Amino acid sequence: MTELVFRDPPPPKKLRRNWSAIAEQLRQKPGSWAVVASGQRRATMATLAGRLNEGRMAGMPARLFEAVTRASDTAPGLYEVYVRYVGQRDGL
């Protein structure tokens, strides 16, 4: 008979954030960049930045927020997603 190993599963790795609350904080400081996520996989962070730029997160409409991914300058091997609130731009 196979012996089973009983243990609780590890926590999910999915980035769970209250994006509406983050958006509200960013609106308080228009134009200022804030780190909203960091991780070891550049592709994952770039995907998140893309989703933010497309307006696919709650409370963060496209073109009102700008997101970029950069290698961390304080933690080697980590990539960070920076976001800022840009508000309505003329001509949009």
PDB file of N, CA and C in Angstrom:
ATOM      1  N   MET A   1       0.836  -1.177   0.000  1.00  0.00           N
ATOM      2  CA  MET A   1       0.000   0.000   0.000  1.00  0.00           C
ATOM      3  C   MET A   1       0.887   1.250   0.000  1.00  0.00           C
ATOM      4  N   THR A   2       0.492   2.254  -0.775  1.00  0.00           N
ATOM      5  CA  THR A   2       1.234   3.510  -0.863  1.00  0.00           C
ATOM      6  C   THR A   2       0.972   4.364   0.368  1.00  0.00           C
ATOM      7  N   GLU A   3       2.050   4.873   0.941  1.00  0.00           N
ATOM      8  CA  GLU A   3       1.890   5.771   2.092  1.00  0.00           C
ATOM      9  C   GLU A   3       1.608   7.177   1.606  1.00  0.00           C
ATOM     10  N   LEU A   4       0.611   7.780   2.168  1.00  0.00           N
ATOM     11  CA  LEU A   4       0.253   9.147   1.805  1.00  0.00           C
ATOM     12  C   LEU A   4       0.981  10.138   2.699  1.00  0.00           C
ATOM     13  N   VAL A   5       1.266  11.289   2.125  1.00  0.00           N
ATOM     14  CA  VAL A   5       1.863  12.383   2.891  1.00  0.00           C
ATOM     15  C   VAL A   5       0.766  13.412   3.119  1.00  0.00           C
ATOM     16  N   PHE A   6       0.447  13.656   4.357  1.00  0.00           N
ATOM     17  CA  PHE A   6      -0.593  14.619   4.691  1.00  0.00           C
ATOM     18  C   PHE A   6       0.044  15.952   5.073  1.00  0.00           C
ATOM     19  N   ARG A   7      -0.357  17.002   4.348  1.00  0.00           N
ATOM     20  CA  ARG A   7       0.116  18.348   4.658  1.00  0.00           C
ATOM     21  C   ARG A   7      -0.786  19.354   3.955  1.00  0.00           C
ATOM     22  N   ASP A   8      -0.786  20.549   4.464  1.00  0.00           N
ATOM     23  CA  ASP A   8      -1.569  21.615   3.845  1.00  0.00           C
ATOM     24  C   ASP A   8      -0.851  22.090   2.591  1.00  0.00           C
ATOM     25  N   PRO A   9      -1.610  22.487   1.563  1.00  0.00           N
ATOM     26  CA  PRO A   9      -0.964  22.994   0.349  1.00  0.00           C
ATOM     27  C   PRO A   9      -0.342  24.361   0.610  1.00  0.00           C
ATOM     28  N   PRO A  10       0.674  24.720  -0.184  1.00  0.00           N
ATOM     29  CA  PRO A  10       1.271  26.052  -0.030  1.00  0.00           C
ATOM     30  C   PRO A  10       0.272  27.126  -0.467  1.00  0.00           C
ATOM     31  N   PRO A  11       0.485  28.347  -0.048  1.00  0.00           N
ATOM     32  CA  PRO A  11      -0.428  29.421  -0.461  1.00  0.00           C
ATOM     33  C   PRO A  11      -0.355  29.631  -1.972  1.00  0.00           C
ATOM     34  N   PRO A  12      -1.428  30.122  -2.576  1.00  0.00           N
ATOM     35  CA  PRO A  12      -1.418  30.363  -4.023  1.00  0.00           C
ATOM     36  C   PRO A  12      -0.376  31.411  -4.394  1.00  0.00           C
ATOM     37  N   LYS A  13       0.176  31.264  -5.589  1.00  0.00           N
ATOM     38  CA  LYS A  13       1.204  32.204  -6.052  1.00  0.00           C
ATOM     39  C   LYS A  13       0.609  33.351  -6.851  1.00  0.00           C
ATOM     40  N   LYS A  14      -0.673  33.306  -7.062  1.00  0.00           N
ATOM     41  CA  LYS A  14      -1.341  34.338  -7.834  1.00  0.00           C
ATOM     42  C   LYS A  14      -1.209  35.690  -7.131  1.00  0.00           C
ATOM     43  N   LEU A  15      -1.010  36.730  -7.917  1.00  0.00           N
ATOM     44  CA  LEU A  15      -0.918  38.080  -7.357  1.00  0.00           C
ATOM     45  C   LEU A  15      -2.316  38.562  -6.990  1.00  0.00           C
ATOM     46  N   ARG A  16      -2.623  38.552  -5.729  1.00  0.00           N
ATOM     47  CA  ARG A  16      -3.932  39.018  -5.272  1.00  0.00           C
ATOM     48  C   ARG A  16      -3.749  40.385  -4.640  1.00  0.00           C
ATOM     49  N   ARG A  17      -4.371  41.344  -5.244  1.00  0.00           N
ATOM     50  CA  ARG A  17      -4.268  42.715  -4.758  1.00  0.00           C
ATOM     51  C   ARG A  17      -5.659  43.343  -4.789  1.00  0.00           C
ATOM     52  N   ASN A  18      -5.870  44.323  -3.963  1.00  0.00           N
ATOM     53  CA  ASN A  18      -7.087  45.113  -4.015  1.00  0.00           C
ATOM     54  C   ASN A  18      -6.790  46.278  -4.956  1.00  0.00           C
ATOM     55  N   TRP A  19      -7.006  46.048  -6.249  1.00  0.00           N
ATOM     56  CA  TRP A  19      -6.612  47.024  -7.261  1.00  0.00           C
ATOM     57  C   TRP A  19      -7.376  48.332  -7.128  1.00  0.00           C
ATOM     58  N   SER A  20      -8.628  48.273  -6.701  1.00  0.00           N
ATOM     59  CA  SER A  20      -9.392  49.514  -6.507  1.00  0.00           C
ATOM     60  C   SER A  20      -8.758  50.376  -5.419  1.00  0.00           C
ATOM     61  N   ALA A  21      -8.310  49.755  -4.340  1.00  0.00           N
ATOM     62  CA  ALA A  21      -7.656  50.500  -3.254  1.00  0.00           C
ATOM     63  C   ALA A  21      -6.314  51.059  -3.717  1.00  0.00           C
ATOM     64  N   ILE A  22      -5.585  50.287  -4.505  1.00  0.00           N
ATOM     65  CA  ILE A  22      -4.308  50.768  -5.046  1.00  0.00           C
ATOM     66  C   ILE A  22      -4.556  51.959  -5.964  1.00  0.00           C
ATOM     67  N   ALA A  23      -5.589  51.855  -6.811  1.00  0.00           N
ATOM     68  CA  ALA A  23      -5.921  52.953  -7.724  1.00  0.00           C
ATOM     69  C   ALA A  23      -6.242  54.225  -6.951  1.00  0.00           C
ATOM     70  N   GLU A  24      -6.979  54.087  -5.862  1.00  0.00           N
ATOM     71  CA  GLU A  24      -7.329  55.254  -5.048  1.00  0.00           C
ATOM     72  C   GLU A  24      -6.082  55.913  -4.460  1.00  0.00           C
ATOM     73  N   GLN A  25      -5.145  55.110  -3.991  1.00  0.00           N
ATOM     74  CA  GLN A  25      -3.899  55.665  -3.447  1.00  0.00           C
ATOM     75  C   GLN A  25      -3.101  56.383  -4.530  1.00  0.00           C
ATOM     76  N   LEU A  26      -3.066  55.820  -5.728  1.00  0.00           N
ATOM     77  CA  LEU A  26      -2.333  56.443  -6.830  1.00  0.00           C
ATOM     78  C   LEU A  26      -2.978  57.765  -7.243  1.00  0.00           C
ATOM     79  N   ARG A  27      -4.305  57.824  -7.198  1.00  0.00           N
ATOM     80  CA  ARG A  27      -5.006  59.074  -7.543  1.00  0.00           C
ATOM     81  C   ARG A  27      -4.659  60.205  -6.564  1.00  0.00           C
ATOM     82  N   GLN A  28      -4.280  59.849  -5.359  1.00  0.00           N
ATOM     83  CA  GLN A  28      -3.914  60.853  -4.359  1.00  0.00           C
ATOM     84  C   GLN A  28      -2.601  61.558  -4.710  1.00  0.00           C
ATOM     85  N   LYS A  29      -1.765  60.908  -5.536  1.00  0.00           N
ATOM     86  CA  LYS A  29      -0.460  61.478  -5.909  1.00  0.00           C
ATOM     87  C   LYS A  29      -0.267  61.347  -7.419  1.00  0.00           C
ATOM     88  N   PRO A  30      -1.019  62.113  -8.210  1.00  0.00           N
ATOM     89  CA  PRO A  30      -0.919  62.011  -9.667  1.00  0.00           C
ATOM     90  C   PRO A  30       0.515  62.200 -10.153  1.00  0.00           C
ATOM     91  N   GLY A  31       0.912  61.356 -11.091  1.00  0.00           N
ATOM     92  CA  GLY A  31       2.236  61.459 -11.696  1.00  0.00           C
ATOM     93  C   GLY A  31       3.348  60.783 -10.918  1.00  0.00           C
ATOM     94  N   SER A  32       3.085  60.370  -9.685  1.00  0.00           N
ATOM     95  CA  SER A  32       4.113  59.711  -8.866  1.00  0.00           C
ATOM     96  C   SER A  32       4.064  58.201  -9.076  1.00  0.00           C
ATOM     97  N   TRP A  33       5.231  57.607  -9.269  1.00  0.00           N
ATOM     98  CA  TRP A  33       5.335  56.163  -9.471  1.00  0.00           C
ATOM     99  C   TRP A  33       5.295  55.431  -8.135  1.00  0.00           C
ATOM    100  N   ALA A  34       4.668  54.255  -8.125  1.00  0.00           N
ATOM    101  CA  ALA A  34       4.636  53.394  -6.934  1.00  0.00           C
ATOM    102  C   ALA A  34       4.865  51.949  -7.372  1.00  0.00           C
ATOM    103  N   VAL A  35       5.598  51.198  -6.575  1.00  0.00           N
ATOM    104  CA  VAL A  35       5.806  49.768  -6.842  1.00  0.00           C
ATOM    105  C   VAL A  35       4.567  49.030  -6.345  1.00  0.00           C
ATOM    106  N   VAL A  36       3.893  48.306  -7.249  1.00  0.00           N
ATOM    107  CA  VAL A  36       2.680  47.579  -6.864  1.00  0.00           C
ATOM    108  C   VAL A  36       2.891  46.074  -6.804  1.00  0.00           C
ATOM    109  N   ALA A  37       4.000  45.578  -7.373  1.00  0.00           N
ATOM    110  CA  ALA A  37       4.284  44.140  -7.347  1.00  0.00           C
ATOM    111  C   ALA A  37       5.753  43.913  -7.654  1.00  0.00           C
ATOM    112  N   SER A  38       6.275  42.791  -7.161  1.00  0.00           N
ATOM    113  CA  SER A  38       7.640  42.391  -7.500  1.00  0.00           C
ATOM    114  C   SER A  38       7.688  40.875  -7.561  1.00  0.00           C
ATOM    115  N   GLY A  39       8.601  40.369  -8.372  1.00  0.00           N
ATOM    116  CA  GLY A  39       8.729  38.923  -8.515  1.00  0.00           C
ATOM    117  C   GLY A  39      10.004  38.556  -9.239  1.00  0.00           C
ATOM    118  N   GLN A  40      10.306  37.266  -9.244  1.00  0.00           N
ATOM    119  CA  GLN A  40      11.545  36.788  -9.853  1.00  0.00           C
ATOM    120  C   GLN A  40      11.425  36.559 -11.352  1.00  0.00           C
ATOM    121  N   ARG A  41      10.212  36.472 -11.848  1.00  0.00           N
ATOM    122  CA  ARG A  41      10.026  36.229 -13.282  1.00  0.00           C
ATOM    123  C   ARG A  41       9.668  37.527 -14.004  1.00  0.00           C
ATOM    124  N   ARG A  42      10.563  37.931 -14.879  1.00  0.00           N
ATOM    125  CA  ARG A  42      10.332  39.171 -15.623  1.00  0.00           C
ATOM    126  C   ARG A  42       9.061  39.080 -16.464  1.00  0.00           C
ATOM    127  N   ALA A  43       8.845  37.922 -17.097  1.00  0.00           N
ATOM    128  CA  ALA A  43       7.673  37.759 -17.955  1.00  0.00           C
ATOM    129  C   ALA A  43       6.373  37.938 -17.174  1.00  0.00           C
ATOM    130  N   THR A  44       6.319  37.426 -15.961  1.00  0.00           N
ATOM    131  CA  THR A  44       5.118  37.566 -15.135  1.00  0.00           C
ATOM    132  C   THR A  44       4.864  39.027 -14.803  1.00  0.00           C
ATOM    133  N   MET A  45       5.909  39.742 -14.453  1.00  0.00           N
ATOM    134  CA  MET A  45       5.762  41.156 -14.113  1.00  0.00           C
ATOM    135  C   MET A  45       5.389  41.972 -15.355  1.00  0.00           C
ATOM    136  N   ALA A  46       5.965  41.620 -16.507  1.00  0.00           N
ATOM    137  CA  ALA A  46       5.640  42.322 -17.752  1.00  0.00           C
ATOM    138  C   ALA A  46       4.182  42.076 -18.141  1.00  0.00           C
ATOM    139  N   THR A  47       3.700  40.858 -17.922  1.00  0.00           N
ATOM    140  CA  THR A  47       2.299  40.546 -18.206  1.00  0.00           C
ATOM    141  C   THR A  47       1.383  41.375 -17.318  1.00  0.00           C
ATOM    142  N   LEU A  48       1.722  41.480 -16.049  1.00  0.00           N
ATOM    143  CA  LEU A  48       0.922  42.291 -15.131  1.00  0.00           C
ATOM    144  C   LEU A  48       0.907  43.749 -15.578  1.00  0.00           C
ATOM    145  N   ALA A  49       2.060  44.286 -15.942  1.00  0.00           N
ATOM    146  CA  ALA A  49       2.124  45.676 -16.410  1.00  0.00           C
ATOM    147  C   ALA A  49       1.250  45.857 -17.649  1.00  0.00           C
ATOM    148  N   GLY A  50       1.284  44.894 -18.553  1.00  0.00           N
ATOM    149  CA  GLY A  50       0.446  44.959 -19.747  1.00  0.00           C
ATOM    150  C   GLY A  50      -1.035  44.969 -19.405  1.00  0.00           C
ATOM    151  N   ARG A  51      -1.429  44.117 -18.473  1.00  0.00           N
ATOM    152  CA  ARG A  51      -2.834  44.070 -18.044  1.00  0.00           C
ATOM    153  C   ARG A  51      -3.255  45.399 -17.413  1.00  0.00           C
ATOM    154  N   LEU A  52      -2.366  45.993 -16.645  1.00  0.00           N
ATOM    155  CA  LEU A  52      -2.666  47.294 -16.044  1.00  0.00           C
ATOM    156  C   LEU A  52      -2.822  48.362 -17.123  1.00  0.00           C
ATOM    157  N   ASN A  53      -1.939  48.366 -18.113  1.00  0.00           N
ATOM    158  CA  ASN A  53      -2.014  49.350 -19.193  1.00  0.00           C
ATOM    159  C   ASN A  53      -3.266  49.169 -20.047  1.00  0.00           C
ATOM    160  N   GLU A  54      -3.769  47.945 -20.131  1.00  0.00           N
ATOM    161  CA  GLU A  54      -4.977  47.659 -20.910  1.00  0.00           C
ATOM    162  C   GLU A  54      -6.253  47.950 -20.126  1.00  0.00           C
ATOM    163  N   GLY A  55      -6.125  48.325 -18.862  1.00  0.00           N
ATOM    164  CA  GLY A  55      -7.293  48.627 -18.048  1.00  0.00           C
ATOM    165  C   GLY A  55      -8.032  47.396 -17.569  1.00  0.00           C
ATOM    166  N   ARG A  56      -7.320  46.291 -17.403  1.00  0.00           N
ATOM    167  CA  ARG A  56      -7.962  45.031 -17.036  1.00  0.00           C
ATOM    168  C   ARG A  56      -7.999  44.769 -15.530  1.00  0.00           C
ATOM    169  N   MET A  57      -7.624  45.751 -14.728  1.00  0.00           N
ATOM    170  CA  MET A  57      -7.695  45.610 -13.274  1.00  0.00           C
ATOM    171  C   MET A  57      -8.776  46.559 -12.741  1.00  0.00           C
ATOM    172  N   ALA A  58      -9.493  46.109 -11.724  1.00  0.00           N
ATOM    173  CA  ALA A  58     -10.606  46.876 -11.160  1.00  0.00           C
ATOM    174  C   ALA A  58     -10.160  48.268 -10.724  1.00  0.00           C
ATOM    175  N   GLY A  59     -10.922  49.268 -11.152  1.00  0.00           N
ATOM    176  CA  GLY A  59     -10.650  50.634 -10.721  1.00  0.00           C
ATOM    177  C   GLY A  59      -9.514  51.327 -11.440  1.00  0.00           C
ATOM    178  N   MET A  60      -8.939  50.667 -12.461  1.00  0.00           N
ATOM    179  CA  MET A  60      -7.798  51.253 -13.176  1.00  0.00           C
ATOM    180  C   MET A  60      -8.071  51.267 -14.684  1.00  0.00           C
ATOM    181  N   PRO A  61      -8.898  52.209 -15.141  1.00  0.00           N
ATOM    182  CA  PRO A  61      -9.214  52.269 -16.561  1.00  0.00           C
ATOM    183  C   PRO A  61      -7.974  52.520 -17.427  1.00  0.00           C
ATOM    184  N   ALA A  62      -8.008  51.962 -18.620  1.00  0.00           N
ATOM    185  CA  ALA A  62      -6.908  52.161 -19.574  1.00  0.00           C
ATOM    186  C   ALA A  62      -6.702  53.648 -19.824  1.00  0.00           C
ATOM    187  N   ARG A  63      -5.481  54.033 -20.028  1.00  0.00           N
ATOM    188  CA  ARG A  63      -5.032  55.389 -20.343  1.00  0.00           C
ATOM    189  C   ARG A  63      -5.067  56.348 -19.160  1.00  0.00           C
ATOM    190  N   LEU A  64      -5.690  55.961 -18.052  1.00  0.00           N
ATOM    191  CA  LEU A  64      -5.652  56.817 -16.867  1.00  0.00           C
ATOM    192  C   LEU A  64      -4.497  56.434 -15.954  1.00  0.00           C
ATOM    193  N   PHE A  65      -3.976  55.215 -16.157  1.00  0.00           N
ATOM    194  CA  PHE A  65      -2.853  54.707 -15.380  1.00  0.00           C
ATOM    195  C   PHE A  65      -1.787  54.211 -16.342  1.00  0.00           C
ATOM    196  N   GLU A  66      -0.544  54.338 -15.960  1.00  0.00           N
ATOM    197  CA  GLU A  66       0.591  53.889 -16.772  1.00  0.00           C
ATOM    198  C   GLU A  66       1.427  52.931 -15.937  1.00  0.00           C
ATOM    199  N   ALA A  67       1.790  51.783 -16.527  1.00  0.00           N
ATOM    200  CA  ALA A  67       2.574  50.773 -15.808  1.00  0.00           C
ATOM    201  C   ALA A  67       3.807  50.393 -16.616  1.00  0.00           C
ATOM    202  N   VAL A  68       4.912  50.150 -15.914  1.00  0.00           N
ATOM    203  CA  VAL A  68       6.161  49.692 -16.532  1.00  0.00           C
ATOM    204  C   VAL A  68       6.793  48.634 -15.629  1.00  0.00           C
ATOM    205  N   THR A  69       7.661  47.829 -16.213  1.00  0.00           N
ATOM    206  CA  THR A  69       8.408  46.814 -15.464  1.00  0.00           C
ATOM    207  C   THR A  69       9.881  47.168 -15.521  1.00  0.00           C
ATOM    208  N   ARG A  70      10.554  47.052 -14.390  1.00  0.00           N
ATOM    209  CA  ARG A  70      11.991  47.325 -14.319  1.00  0.00           C
ATOM    210  C   ARG A  70      12.652  46.304 -13.404  1.00  0.00           C
ATOM    211  N   ALA A  71      13.938  46.047 -13.667  1.00  0.00           N
ATOM    212  CA  ALA A  71      14.728  45.231 -12.740  1.00  0.00           C
ATOM    213  C   ALA A  71      14.910  46.049 -11.466  1.00  0.00           C
ATOM    214  N   SER A  72      14.799  45.393 -10.334  1.00  0.00           N
ATOM    215  CA  SER A  72      14.946  46.085  -9.055  1.00  0.00           C
ATOM    216  C   SER A  72      16.372  46.598  -8.892  1.00  0.00           C
ATOM    217  N   ASP A  73      16.501  47.820  -8.409  1.00  0.00           N
ATOM    218  CA  ASP A  73      17.842  48.356  -8.141  1.00  0.00           C
ATOM    219  C   ASP A  73      18.244  48.123  -6.683  1.00  0.00           C
ATOM    220  N   THR A  74      17.347  47.541  -5.890  1.00  0.00           N
ATOM    221  CA  THR A  74      17.660  47.263  -4.485  1.00  0.00           C
ATOM    222  C   THR A  74      17.689  45.773  -4.159  1.00  0.00           C
ATOM    223  N   ALA A  75      17.080  44.948  -5.011  1.00  0.00           N
ATOM    224  CA  ALA A  75      17.028  43.499  -4.761  1.00  0.00           C
ATOM    225  C   ALA A  75      17.403  42.761  -6.043  1.00  0.00           C
ATOM    226  N   PRO A  76      18.670  42.401  -6.209  1.00  0.00           N
ATOM    227  CA  PRO A  76      19.104  41.704  -7.421  1.00  0.00           C
ATOM    228  C   PRO A  76      18.268  40.448  -7.679  1.00  0.00           C
ATOM    229  N   GLY A  77      17.906  40.252  -8.940  1.00  0.00           N
ATOM    230  CA  GLY A  77      17.125  39.083  -9.321  1.00  0.00           C
ATOM    231  C   GLY A  77      15.623  39.291  -9.267  1.00  0.00           C
ATOM    232  N   LEU A  78      15.188  40.456  -8.803  1.00  0.00           N
ATOM    233  CA  LEU A  78      13.754  40.743  -8.757  1.00  0.00           C
ATOM    234  C   LEU A  78      13.391  41.775  -9.814  1.00  0.00           C
ATOM    235  N   TYR A  79      12.165  41.675 -10.281  1.00  0.00           N
ATOM    236  CA  TYR A  79      11.608  42.647 -11.216  1.00  0.00           C
ATOM    237  C   TYR A  79      10.407  43.292 -10.543  1.00  0.00           C
ATOM    238  N   GLU A  80      10.207  44.573 -10.794  1.00  0.00           N
ATOM    239  CA  GLU A  80       9.141  45.320 -10.137  1.00  0.00           C
ATOM    240  C   GLU A  80       8.218  45.956 -11.165  1.00  0.00           C
ATOM    241  N   VAL A  81       6.955  46.060 -10.790  1.00  0.00           N
ATOM    242  CA  VAL A  81       5.968  46.752 -11.613  1.00  0.00           C
ATOM    243  C   VAL A  81       5.687  48.095 -10.947  1.00  0.00           C
ATOM    244  N   TYR A  82       5.932  49.151 -11.699  1.00  0.00           N
ATOM    245  CA  TYR A  82       5.676  50.522 -11.243  1.00  0.00           C
ATOM    246  C   TYR A  82       4.415  51.028 -11.949  1.00  0.00           C
ATOM    247  N   VAL A  83       3.580  51.732 -11.210  1.00  0.00           N
ATOM    248  CA  VAL A  83       2.355  52.288 -11.786  1.00  0.00           C
ATOM    249  C   VAL A  83       2.210  53.729 -11.318  1.00  0.00           C
ATOM    250  N   ARG A  84       1.665  54.566 -12.200  1.00  0.00           N
ATOM    251  CA  ARG A  84       1.329  55.936 -11.810  1.00  0.00           C
ATOM    252  C   ARG A  84      -0.013  56.313 -12.422  1.00  0.00           C
ATOM    253  N   TYR A  85      -0.674  57.228 -11.755  1.00  0.00           N
ATOM    254  CA  TYR A  85      -1.934  57.775 -12.247  1.00  0.00           C
ATOM    255  C   TYR A  85      -1.605  58.988 -13.094  1.00  0.00           C
ATOM    256  N   VAL A  86      -2.059  58.970 -14.346  1.00  0.00           N
ATOM    257  CA  VAL A  86      -1.782  60.097 -15.236  1.00  0.00           C
ATOM    258  C   VAL A  86      -3.021  60.945 -15.477  1.00  0.00           C
ATOM    259  N   GLY A  87      -4.199  60.439 -15.128  1.00  0.00           N
ATOM    260  CA  GLY A  87      -5.439  61.195 -15.289  1.00  0.00           C
ATOM    261  C   GLY A  87      -5.812  61.375 -16.746  1.00  0.00           C
ATOM    262  N   GLN A  88      -6.768  62.244 -16.970  1.00  0.00           N
ATOM    263  CA  GLN A  88      -7.216  62.530 -18.333  1.00  0.00           C
ATOM    264  C   GLN A  88      -6.163  63.357 -19.049  1.00  0.00           C
ATOM    265  N   ARG A  89      -5.861  62.947 -20.249  1.00  0.00           N
ATOM    266  CA  ARG A  89      -4.909  63.712 -21.065  1.00  0.00           C
ATOM    267  C   ARG A  89      -5.672  64.468 -22.132  1.00  0.00           C
ATOM    268  N   ASP A  90      -5.168  65.630 -22.506  1.00  0.00           N
ATOM    269  CA  ASP A  90      -5.814  66.418 -23.556  1.00  0.00           C
ATOM    270  C   ASP A  90      -5.849  65.621 -24.844  1.00  0.00           C
ATOM    271  N   GLY A  91      -6.976  65.696 -25.541  1.00  0.00           N
ATOM    272  CA  GLY A  91      -7.097  65.026 -26.833  1.00  0.00           C
ATOM    273  C   GLY A  91      -7.557  63.589 -26.744  1.00  0.00           C
ATOM    274  N   LEU A  92      -7.806  63.064 -25.558  1.00  0.00           N
ATOM    275  CA  LEU A  92      -8.285  61.678 -25.430  1.00  0.00           C
ATOM    276  C   LEU A  92      -9.766  61.658 -25.170  1.00  0.00           C
TER     277      LEU A  92
END
